[in-house]
Amino acid sequence: MPIASVVSSKHKKKKMKKILLAILIFCTSTTFGQDTKKIEKDLLKHLKKINYWAESVDKGGSVSPTDSLDKENDIFQRKLLSYTAKQPATLTYDFKELQKEHLTIASSADKKFRIYSWDTWLGGTMHNFENVYQFQTGNKVSSKSLSEKRQDGEPESWFSDIFTLGINSRKIYIGYFHAIYSSSSVYQGIKLFDLTNNRLNDEVRLIKTKTGLKNELGFEFDFFSVVDRKERPVKLIYFDNSTKTIKIPVVTSKRKVTNKFLTYKFTGQFFEKQ
């Protein structure tokens, strides 16, 4: 066979391989897209039912919808845990329709850690939220709930942001959380996580205080002292990655938020008050 014919044949094979690879990638991404859309559609059905039964509770009546509300929350949580553990594509999917129905999604910058939060509407004036934690270790994507760690009667918080602190090859994830005790009494704080030994570690203790090393740092305050601020949720805690500092506001004895801040700086081993 002439050399030109051999070269031409090899070129055609390479071109065909590229075309087949492109088709495979397109089909795979399309399948993932279809799967995630189906997942969102299924979850959306239950999230809408949660909000429907929550409105029914507010309206009152002779028949209590609390059992239905509890049931839908349970179904939604179980399905969200299952989907986010079995479908890796969900870790980066935006779930826009779910967010419209008030599911909050906080994601880390490296897209390896995400927290889904929603109001169960089972807590009355003291709101009770649920969270599903999704994370990637190696090539595996997992998810879990930490509800079993909650003390009886203790309301669960919801997460609005995840900041990331790099320590050499290690990454510390700083979850920014919110709790609602009543219309005026609310709480904000941070909680530290990392991904070690192929699992989510939610007990990272790097905050140095007078009473020892802590995993969380936060404060209770009167919401009406900041109600005029435009952003929602009201942002009172700041993390500066360049200086590795966390700033939280000083709150008076009457729980009024001031314009002063306490600063905790990562000094190489711990976050320490400056």
C-alpha atoms as a PDB file:
ATOM      1  CA  MET A   1       0.000   0.000   0.000  1.00  0.00           C
ATOM      2  CA  PRO A   2       1.381   3.443  -0.897  1.00  0.00           C
ATOM      3  CA  ILE A   3       2.631   5.538   2.019  1.00  0.00           C
ATOM      4  CA  ALA A   4       0.151   8.306   1.229  1.00  0.00           C
ATOM      5  CA  SER A   5      -2.725   5.828   1.476  1.00  0.00           C
ATOM      6  CA  VAL A   6      -1.465   4.528   4.868  1.00  0.00           C
ATOM      7  CA  VAL A   7      -1.174   8.084   6.247  1.00  0.00           C
ATOM      8  CA  SER A   8      -4.605   8.946   4.914  1.00  0.00           C
ATOM      9  CA  SER A   9      -6.098   5.808   6.499  1.00  0.00           C
ATOM     10  CA  LYS A  10      -4.517   6.593   9.891  1.00  0.00           C
ATOM     11  CA  HIS A  11      -5.733  10.181   9.677  1.00  0.00           C
ATOM     12  CA  LYS A  12      -9.283   8.989   8.927  1.00  0.00           C
ATOM     13  CA  LYS A  13      -9.174   6.585  11.906  1.00  0.00           C
ATOM     14  CA  LYS A  14      -7.971   9.351  14.257  1.00  0.00           C
ATOM     15  CA  LYS A  15     -10.664  11.663  12.955  1.00  0.00           C
ATOM     16  CA  MET A  16     -13.296   8.958  13.390  1.00  0.00           C
ATOM     17  CA  LYS A  17     -12.115   8.330  16.979  1.00  0.00           C
ATOM     18  CA  LYS A  18     -12.430  12.043  17.773  1.00  0.00           C
ATOM     19  CA  ILE A  19     -15.942  12.119  16.307  1.00  0.00           C
ATOM     20  CA  LEU A  20     -16.984   9.027  18.279  1.00  0.00           C
ATOM     21  CA  LEU A  21     -15.476  10.484  21.460  1.00  0.00           C
ATOM     22  CA  ALA A  22     -17.341  13.744  20.911  1.00  0.00           C
ATOM     23  CA  ILE A  23     -20.589  11.825  20.366  1.00  0.00           C
ATOM     24  CA  LEU A  24     -19.952   9.777  23.538  1.00  0.00           C
ATOM     25  CA  ILE A  25     -19.253  12.904  25.597  1.00  0.00           C
ATOM     26  CA  PHE A  26     -22.351  14.593  24.204  1.00  0.00           C
ATOM     27  CA  CYS A  27     -24.545  11.558  24.921  1.00  0.00           C
ATOM     28  CA  THR A  28     -23.108  11.184  28.411  1.00  0.00           C
ATOM     29  CA  SER A  29     -23.626  14.858  29.267  1.00  0.00           C
ATOM     30  CA  THR A  30     -27.120  14.716  27.770  1.00  0.00           C
ATOM     31  CA  THR A  31     -27.924  11.633  29.857  1.00  0.00           C
ATOM     32  CA  PHE A  32     -26.597  13.353  32.982  1.00  0.00           C
ATOM     33  CA  GLY A  33     -28.668  16.398  32.102  1.00  0.00           C
ATOM     34  CA  GLN A  34     -31.785  14.295  31.654  1.00  0.00           C
ATOM     35  CA  ASP A  35     -31.113  12.407  34.887  1.00  0.00           C
ATOM     36  CA  THR A  36     -30.598  15.550  36.958  1.00  0.00           C
ATOM     37  CA  LYS A  37     -33.696  17.147  35.469  1.00  0.00           C
ATOM     38  CA  LYS A  38     -35.735  14.056  36.354  1.00  0.00           C
ATOM     39  CA  ILE A  39     -34.249  14.099  39.838  1.00  0.00           C
ATOM     40  CA  GLU A  40     -35.128  17.761  40.269  1.00  0.00           C
ATOM     41  CA  LYS A  41     -38.653  17.169  39.007  1.00  0.00           C
ATOM     42  CA  ASP A  42     -39.184  14.356  41.505  1.00  0.00           C
ATOM     43  CA  LEU A  43     -37.743  16.335  44.428  1.00  0.00           C
ATOM     44  CA  LEU A  44     -39.683  19.441  43.427  1.00  0.00           C
ATOM     45  CA  LYS A  45     -42.947  17.527  43.741  1.00  0.00           C
ATOM     46  CA  HIS A  46     -42.244  16.781  47.411  1.00  0.00           C
ATOM     47  CA  LEU A  47     -40.804  20.203  48.231  1.00  0.00           C
ATOM     48  CA  LYS A  48     -43.954  21.841  46.878  1.00  0.00           C
ATOM     49  CA  LYS A  49     -46.029  19.514  49.041  1.00  0.00           C
ATOM     50  CA  ILE A  50     -43.987  20.570  52.080  1.00  0.00           C
ATOM     51  CA  ASN A  51     -44.750  24.210  51.351  1.00  0.00           C
ATOM     52  CA  TYR A  52     -48.405  23.390  50.646  1.00  0.00           C
ATOM     53  CA  TRP A  53     -48.898  21.603  53.965  1.00  0.00           C
ATOM     54  CA  ALA A  54     -46.984  24.373  55.759  1.00  0.00           C
ATOM     55  CA  GLU A  55     -49.499  26.906  54.449  1.00  0.00           C
ATOM     56  CA  SER A  56     -52.326  24.621  55.562  1.00  0.00           C
ATOM     57  CA  VAL A  57     -50.903  24.589  59.090  1.00  0.00           C
ATOM     58  CA  ASP A  58     -50.968  28.405  59.112  1.00  0.00           C
ATOM     59  CA  LYS A  59     -54.601  28.437  57.999  1.00  0.00           C
ATOM     60  CA  GLY A  60     -55.636  26.170  60.848  1.00  0.00           C
ATOM     61  CA  GLY A  61     -58.835  24.131  60.697  1.00  0.00           C
ATOM     62  CA  SER A  62     -60.334  21.031  62.275  1.00  0.00           C
ATOM     63  CA  VAL A  63     -57.961  18.634  60.485  1.00  0.00           C
ATOM     64  CA  SER A  64     -54.279  18.920  61.350  1.00  0.00           C
ATOM     65  CA  PRO A  65     -51.945  18.597  58.327  1.00  0.00           C
ATOM     66  CA  THR A  66     -48.885  18.111  60.549  1.00  0.00           C
ATOM     67  CA  ASP A  67     -48.692  14.363  59.836  1.00  0.00           C
ATOM     68  CA  SER A  68     -48.670  15.029  56.085  1.00  0.00           C
ATOM     69  CA  LEU A  69     -46.018  17.719  56.543  1.00  0.00           C
ATOM     70  CA  ASP A  70     -43.861  15.363  58.586  1.00  0.00           C
ATOM     71  CA  LYS A  71     -44.295  12.620  55.988  1.00  0.00           C
ATOM     72  CA  GLU A  72     -43.300  14.842  53.041  1.00  0.00           C
ATOM     73  CA  ASN A  73     -40.235  16.119  54.894  1.00  0.00           C
ATOM     74  CA  ASP A  74     -39.166  12.546  55.538  1.00  0.00           C
ATOM     75  CA  ILE A  75     -39.677  11.532  51.903  1.00  0.00           C
ATOM     76  CA  PHE A  76     -37.874  14.607  50.610  1.00  0.00           C
ATOM     77  CA  GLN A  77     -34.888  14.052  52.885  1.00  0.00           C
ATOM     78  CA  ARG A  78     -34.577  10.347  52.053  1.00  0.00           C
ATOM     79  CA  LYS A  79     -34.792  10.977  48.323  1.00  0.00           C
ATOM     80  CA  LEU A  80     -32.338  13.879  48.458  1.00  0.00           C
ATOM     81  CA  LEU A  81     -29.859  11.715  50.381  1.00  0.00           C
ATOM     82  CA  SER A  82     -30.272   8.881  47.889  1.00  0.00           C
ATOM     83  CA  TYR A  83     -30.003  10.981  44.736  1.00  0.00           C
ATOM     84  CA  THR A  84     -27.006  12.991  45.936  1.00  0.00           C
ATOM     85  CA  ALA A  85     -25.153   9.797  46.909  1.00  0.00           C
ATOM     86  CA  LYS A  86     -25.905   7.861  43.718  1.00  0.00           C
ATOM     87  CA  GLN A  87     -25.697  10.599  41.088  1.00  0.00           C
ATOM     88  CA  PRO A  88     -22.316  12.440  41.125  1.00  0.00           C
ATOM     89  CA  ALA A  89     -23.618  15.043  38.650  1.00  0.00           C
ATOM     90  CA  THR A  90     -25.888  16.447  41.365  1.00  0.00           C
ATOM     91  CA  LEU A  91     -22.843  17.845  43.193  1.00  0.00           C
ATOM     92  CA  THR A  92     -22.527  20.644  40.635  1.00  0.00           C
ATOM     93  CA  TYR A  93     -26.100  20.877  39.346  1.00  0.00           C
ATOM     94  CA  ASP A  94     -27.800  24.219  40.088  1.00  0.00           C
ATOM     95  CA  PHE A  95     -31.309  22.896  40.944  1.00  0.00           C
ATOM     96  CA  LYS A  96     -32.816  26.258  40.025  1.00  0.00           C
ATOM     97  CA  GLU A  97     -36.413  25.065  40.391  1.00  0.00           C
ATOM     98  CA  LEU A  98     -35.749  23.716  43.879  1.00  0.00           C
ATOM     99  CA  GLN A  99     -34.114  26.981  44.878  1.00  0.00           C
ATOM    100  CA  LYS A 100     -37.235  28.831  43.733  1.00  0.00           C
ATOM    101  CA  GLU A 101     -39.123  26.695  46.264  1.00  0.00           C
ATOM    102  CA  HIS A 102     -36.739  27.861  49.015  1.00  0.00           C
ATOM    103  CA  LEU A 103     -34.172  25.071  49.065  1.00  0.00           C
ATOM    104  CA  THR A 104     -30.868  26.756  49.909  1.00  0.00           C
ATOM    105  CA  ILE A 105     -27.677  25.338  48.405  1.00  0.00           C
ATOM    106  CA  ALA A 106     -24.278  26.391  49.756  1.00  0.00           C
ATOM    107  CA  SER A 107     -21.304  25.154  47.727  1.00  0.00           C
ATOM    108  CA  SER A 108     -17.552  25.336  48.262  1.00  0.00           C
ATOM    109  CA  ALA A 109     -15.375  27.050  45.651  1.00  0.00           C
ATOM    110  CA  ASP A 110     -13.683  23.773  44.692  1.00  0.00           C
ATOM    111  CA  LYS A 111     -17.104  22.134  44.140  1.00  0.00           C
ATOM    112  CA  LYS A 112     -16.276  19.223  46.432  1.00  0.00           C
ATOM    113  CA  PHE A 113     -18.573  20.098  49.318  1.00  0.00           C
ATOM    114  CA  ARG A 114     -22.167  21.246  49.328  1.00  0.00           C
ATOM    115  CA  ILE A 115     -24.942  21.693  51.910  1.00  0.00           C
ATOM    116  CA  TYR A 116     -28.650  21.578  51.038  1.00  0.00           C
ATOM    117  CA  SER A 117     -30.916  23.282  53.605  1.00  0.00           C
ATOM    118  CA  TRP A 118     -34.683  23.677  53.884  1.00  0.00           C
ATOM    119  CA  ASP A 119     -37.254  24.731  56.456  1.00  0.00           C
ATOM    120  CA  THR A 120     -39.346  21.749  57.587  1.00  0.00           C
ATOM    121  CA  TRP A 121     -42.042  24.130  58.897  1.00  0.00           C
ATOM    122  CA  LEU A 122     -42.416  21.793  61.865  1.00  0.00           C
ATOM    123  CA  GLY A 123     -40.936  24.125  64.457  1.00  0.00           C
ATOM    124  CA  GLY A 124     -43.472  26.929  64.858  1.00  0.00           C
ATOM    125  CA  THR A 125     -41.870  30.293  65.719  1.00  0.00           C
ATOM    126  CA  MET A 126     -38.668  28.379  66.460  1.00  0.00           C
ATOM    127  CA  HIS A 127     -37.878  27.209  62.944  1.00  0.00           C
ATOM    128  CA  ASN A 128     -36.497  23.739  62.440  1.00  0.00           C
ATOM    129  CA  PHE A 129     -34.340  23.219  59.366  1.00  0.00           C
ATOM    130  CA  GLU A 130     -32.878  20.057  57.867  1.00  0.00           C
ATOM    131  CA  ASN A 131     -29.577  19.716  56.035  1.00  0.00           C
ATOM    132  CA  VAL A 132     -28.083  17.209  53.645  1.00  0.00           C
ATOM    133  CA  TYR A 133     -24.296  17.284  53.319  1.00  0.00           C
ATOM    134  CA  GLN A 134     -22.843  16.163  49.979  1.00  0.00           C
ATOM    135  CA  PHE A 135     -19.115  15.755  49.398  1.00  0.00           C
ATOM    136  CA  GLN A 136     -16.492  14.240  47.131  1.00  0.00           C
ATOM    137  CA  THR A 137     -13.507  12.230  48.352  1.00  0.00           C
ATOM    138  CA  GLY A 138     -11.326  10.871  45.565  1.00  0.00           C
ATOM    139  CA  ASN A 139     -13.668   9.837  42.767  1.00  0.00           C
ATOM    140  CA  LYS A 140     -16.548   9.029  45.105  1.00  0.00           C
ATOM    141  CA  VAL A 141     -19.475  11.328  45.874  1.00  0.00           C
ATOM    142  CA  SER A 142     -21.349  10.736  49.138  1.00  0.00           C
ATOM    143  CA  SER A 143     -24.041  12.404  51.202  1.00  0.00           C
ATOM    144  CA  LYS A 144     -25.227  12.267  54.782  1.00  0.00           C
ATOM    145  CA  SER A 145     -27.468  13.824  57.398  1.00  0.00           C
ATOM    146  CA  LEU A 146     -26.229  14.936  60.811  1.00  0.00           C
ATOM    147  CA  SER A 147     -29.695  15.074  62.375  1.00  0.00           C
ATOM    148  CA  GLU A 148     -28.853  12.292  64.813  1.00  0.00           C
ATOM    149  CA  LYS A 149     -26.310  14.570  66.494  1.00  0.00           C
ATOM    150  CA  ARG A 150     -28.904  17.189  67.328  1.00  0.00           C
ATOM    151  CA  GLN A 151     -30.030  17.398  70.942  1.00  0.00           C
ATOM    152  CA  ASP A 152     -33.742  16.908  71.660  1.00  0.00           C
ATOM    153  CA  GLY A 153     -35.557  20.204  71.311  1.00  0.00           C
ATOM    154  CA  GLU A 154     -32.557  21.888  69.690  1.00  0.00           C
ATOM    155  CA  PRO A 155     -33.513  23.633  66.423  1.00  0.00           C
ATOM    156  CA  GLU A 156     -31.373  22.883  63.379  1.00  0.00           C
ATOM    157  CA  SER A 157     -29.715  25.724  61.458  1.00  0.00           C
ATOM    158  CA  TRP A 158     -29.433  26.358  57.745  1.00  0.00           C
ATOM    159  CA  PHE A 159     -26.303  27.234  55.756  1.00  0.00           C
ATOM    160  CA  SER A 160     -25.991  30.167  53.373  1.00  0.00           C
ATOM    161  CA  ASP A 161     -22.277  30.014  52.445  1.00  0.00           C
ATOM    162  CA  ILE A 162     -19.188  27.842  52.553  1.00  0.00           C
ATOM    163  CA  PHE A 163     -15.800  29.579  52.782  1.00  0.00           C
ATOM    164  CA  THR A 164     -12.565  27.697  52.156  1.00  0.00           C
ATOM    165  CA  LEU A 165      -9.282  27.949  54.037  1.00  0.00           C
ATOM    166  CA  GLY A 166      -6.253  26.254  52.476  1.00  0.00           C
ATOM    167  CA  ILE A 167      -3.647  24.872  54.903  1.00  0.00           C
ATOM    168  CA  ASN A 168      -0.863  23.369  52.811  1.00  0.00           C
ATOM    169  CA  SER A 169      -2.559  20.409  51.086  1.00  0.00           C
ATOM    170  CA  ARG A 170      -5.493  20.432  53.521  1.00  0.00           C
ATOM    171  CA  LYS A 171      -8.724  22.364  53.048  1.00  0.00           C
ATOM    172  CA  ILE A 172     -10.909  23.579  55.880  1.00  0.00           C
ATOM    173  CA  TYR A 173     -14.487  24.381  54.933  1.00  0.00           C
ATOM    174  CA  ILE A 174     -16.144  27.131  56.960  1.00  0.00           C
ATOM    175  CA  GLY A 175     -19.919  26.789  56.920  1.00  0.00           C
ATOM    176  CA  TYR A 176     -21.855  30.007  57.618  1.00  0.00           C
ATOM    177  CA  PHE A 177     -25.085  29.050  59.389  1.00  0.00           C
ATOM    178  CA  HIS A 178     -28.263  30.720  60.656  1.00  0.00           C
ATOM    179  CA  ALA A 179     -30.853  29.739  63.281  1.00  0.00           C
ATOM    180  CA  ILE A 180     -34.273  31.264  63.976  1.00  0.00           C
ATOM    181  CA  TYR A 181     -35.516  31.040  67.566  1.00  0.00           C
ATOM    182  CA  SER A 182     -38.395  33.527  67.182  1.00  0.00           C
ATOM    183  CA  SER A 183     -39.352  36.550  65.089  1.00  0.00           C
ATOM    184  CA  SER A 184     -36.779  38.652  66.932  1.00  0.00           C
ATOM    185  CA  SER A 185     -34.293  36.179  68.419  1.00  0.00           C
ATOM    186  CA  VAL A 186     -31.914  34.752  65.825  1.00  0.00           C
ATOM    187  CA  TYR A 187     -28.416  33.295  65.703  1.00  0.00           C
ATOM    188  CA  GLN A 188     -25.525  33.288  63.264  1.00  0.00           C
ATOM    189  CA  GLY A 189     -22.299  31.350  63.392  1.00  0.00           C
ATOM    190  CA  ILE A 190     -19.629  29.370  61.611  1.00  0.00           C
ATOM    191  CA  LYS A 191     -18.884  25.650  61.760  1.00  0.00           C
ATOM    192  CA  LEU A 192     -15.703  23.949  60.535  1.00  0.00           C
ATOM    193  CA  PHE A 193     -15.531  20.849  58.329  1.00  0.00           C
ATOM    194  CA  ASP A 194     -12.908  18.943  56.370  1.00  0.00           C
ATOM    195  CA  LEU A 195     -12.773  15.817  54.227  1.00  0.00           C
ATOM    196  CA  THR A 196     -10.421  13.251  55.767  1.00  0.00           C
ATOM    197  CA  ASN A 197     -10.128   9.464  55.491  1.00  0.00           C
ATOM    198  CA  ASN A 198     -12.804   9.448  52.787  1.00  0.00           C
ATOM    199  CA  ARG A 199     -15.429  10.928  55.090  1.00  0.00           C
ATOM    200  CA  LEU A 200     -16.892  14.250  56.180  1.00  0.00           C
ATOM    201  CA  ASN A 201     -15.413  15.424  59.469  1.00  0.00           C
ATOM    202  CA  ASP A 202     -17.793  17.881  61.172  1.00  0.00           C
ATOM    203  CA  GLU A 203     -15.811  18.126  64.420  1.00  0.00           C
ATOM    204  CA  VAL A 204     -12.753  20.063  63.255  1.00  0.00           C
ATOM    205  CA  ARG A 205     -11.603  22.028  66.327  1.00  0.00           C
ATOM    206  CA  LEU A 206      -9.424  24.905  65.216  1.00  0.00           C
ATOM    207  CA  ILE A 207     -11.031  27.879  66.980  1.00  0.00           C
ATOM    208  CA  LYS A 208      -9.040  28.748  70.094  1.00  0.00           C
ATOM    209  CA  THR A 209     -11.099  30.214  72.954  1.00  0.00           C
ATOM    210  CA  LYS A 210     -10.655  30.719  76.700  1.00  0.00           C
ATOM    211  CA  THR A 211     -12.542  27.480  77.325  1.00  0.00           C
ATOM    212  CA  GLY A 212     -10.634  25.380  74.802  1.00  0.00           C
ATOM    213  CA  LEU A 213     -10.637  24.493  71.117  1.00  0.00           C
ATOM    214  CA  LYS A 214     -14.025  24.826  69.428  1.00  0.00           C
ATOM    215  CA  ASN A 215     -15.643  23.631  66.238  1.00  0.00           C
ATOM    216  CA  GLU A 216     -18.167  26.488  66.123  1.00  0.00           C
ATOM    217  CA  LEU A 217     -18.276  30.196  66.803  1.00  0.00           C
ATOM    218  CA  GLY A 218     -21.426  32.306  66.867  1.00  0.00           C
ATOM    219  CA  PHE A 219     -23.742  34.779  68.580  1.00  0.00           C
ATOM    220  CA  GLU A 220     -27.414  35.410  69.293  1.00  0.00           C
ATOM    221  CA  PHE A 221     -28.900  38.800  68.420  1.00  0.00           C
ATOM    222  CA  ASP A 222     -32.085  40.777  67.999  1.00  0.00           C
ATOM    223  CA  PHE A 223     -33.080  40.662  64.340  1.00  0.00           C
ATOM    224  CA  PHE A 224     -34.820  44.026  64.602  1.00  0.00           C
ATOM    225  CA  SER A 225     -31.465  45.672  65.337  1.00  0.00           C
ATOM    226  CA  VAL A 226     -30.419  44.895  61.746  1.00  0.00           C
ATOM    227  CA  VAL A 227     -33.805  44.664  60.017  1.00  0.00           C
ATOM    228  CA  ASP A 228     -33.131  47.794  57.929  1.00  0.00           C
ATOM    229  CA  ARG A 229     -30.200  46.174  56.135  1.00  0.00           C
ATOM    230  CA  LYS A 230     -31.052  45.402  52.525  1.00  0.00           C
ATOM    231  CA  GLU A 231     -29.396  42.010  52.023  1.00  0.00           C
ATOM    232  CA  ARG A 232     -31.213  38.772  52.834  1.00  0.00           C
ATOM    233  CA  PRO A 233     -30.105  36.843  54.665  1.00  0.00           C
ATOM    234  CA  VAL A 234     -28.497  39.613  56.691  1.00  0.00           C
ATOM    235  CA  LYS A 235     -24.747  39.085  56.462  1.00  0.00           C
ATOM    236  CA  LEU A 236     -22.928  39.790  59.721  1.00  0.00           C
ATOM    237  CA  ILE A 237     -19.948  37.406  59.536  1.00  0.00           C
ATOM    238  CA  TYR A 238     -17.051  37.956  57.127  1.00  0.00           C
ATOM    239  CA  PHE A 239     -14.165  35.764  56.048  1.00  0.00           C
ATOM    240  CA  ASP A 240     -11.084  37.210  54.338  1.00  0.00           C
ATOM    241  CA  ASN A 241      -9.119  34.445  52.638  1.00  0.00           C
ATOM    242  CA  SER A 242      -6.117  36.682  51.913  1.00  0.00           C
ATOM    243  CA  THR A 243      -5.584  37.471  55.613  1.00  0.00           C
ATOM    244  CA  LYS A 244      -7.142  34.223  56.893  1.00  0.00           C
ATOM    245  CA  THR A 245      -9.394  36.136  59.260  1.00  0.00           C
ATOM    246  CA  ILE A 246     -12.962  35.742  60.458  1.00  0.00           C
ATOM    247  CA  LYS A 247     -14.823  38.855  61.648  1.00  0.00           C
ATOM    248  CA  ILE A 248     -17.946  38.630  63.794  1.00  0.00           C
ATOM    249  CA  PRO A 249     -19.840  41.642  65.196  1.00  0.00           C
ATOM    250  CA  VAL A 250     -19.834  42.726  68.808  1.00  0.00           C
ATOM    251  CA  VAL A 251     -23.321  42.346  70.311  1.00  0.00           C
ATOM    252  CA  THR A 252     -24.510  44.263  73.379  1.00  0.00           C
ATOM    253  CA  SER A 253     -26.042  42.686  76.489  1.00  0.00           C
ATOM    254  CA  LYS A 254     -29.437  43.553  74.994  1.00  0.00           C
ATOM    255  CA  ARG A 255     -28.493  41.583  71.856  1.00  0.00           C
ATOM    256  CA  LYS A 256     -28.130  44.675  69.660  1.00  0.00           C
ATOM    257  CA  VAL A 257     -25.620  44.316  66.803  1.00  0.00           C
ATOM    258  CA  THR A 258     -22.973  47.054  66.822  1.00  0.00           C
ATOM    259  CA  ASN A 259     -20.557  48.278  64.150  1.00  0.00           C
ATOM    260  CA  LYS A 260     -17.594  46.844  66.045  1.00  0.00           C
ATOM    261  CA  PHE A 261     -16.027  43.459  65.264  1.00  0.00           C
ATOM    262  CA  LEU A 262     -14.102  40.669  66.926  1.00  0.00           C
ATOM    263  CA  THR A 263     -11.389  39.240  64.677  1.00  0.00           C
ATOM    264  CA  TYR A 264     -10.138  35.673  64.695  1.00  0.00           C
ATOM    265  CA  LYS A 265      -7.002  35.079  62.641  1.00  0.00           C
ATOM    266  CA  PHE A 266      -5.581  31.748  61.549  1.00  0.00           C
ATOM    267  CA  THR A 267      -2.046  31.838  62.918  1.00  0.00           C
ATOM    268  CA  GLY A 268      -0.786  28.616  61.352  1.00  0.00           C
ATOM    269  CA  GLN A 269      -2.406  26.164  63.712  1.00  0.00           C
ATOM    270  CA  PHE A 270      -5.581  27.747  65.109  1.00  0.00           C
ATOM    271  CA  PHE A 271      -7.980  30.634  64.680  1.00  0.00           C
ATOM    272  CA  GLU A 272      -7.033  32.961  67.519  1.00  0.00           C
ATOM    273  CA  LYS A 273      -8.720  36.128  68.759  1.00  0.00           C
ATOM    274  CA  GLN A 274      -6.723  39.241  67.913  1.00  0.00           C
END
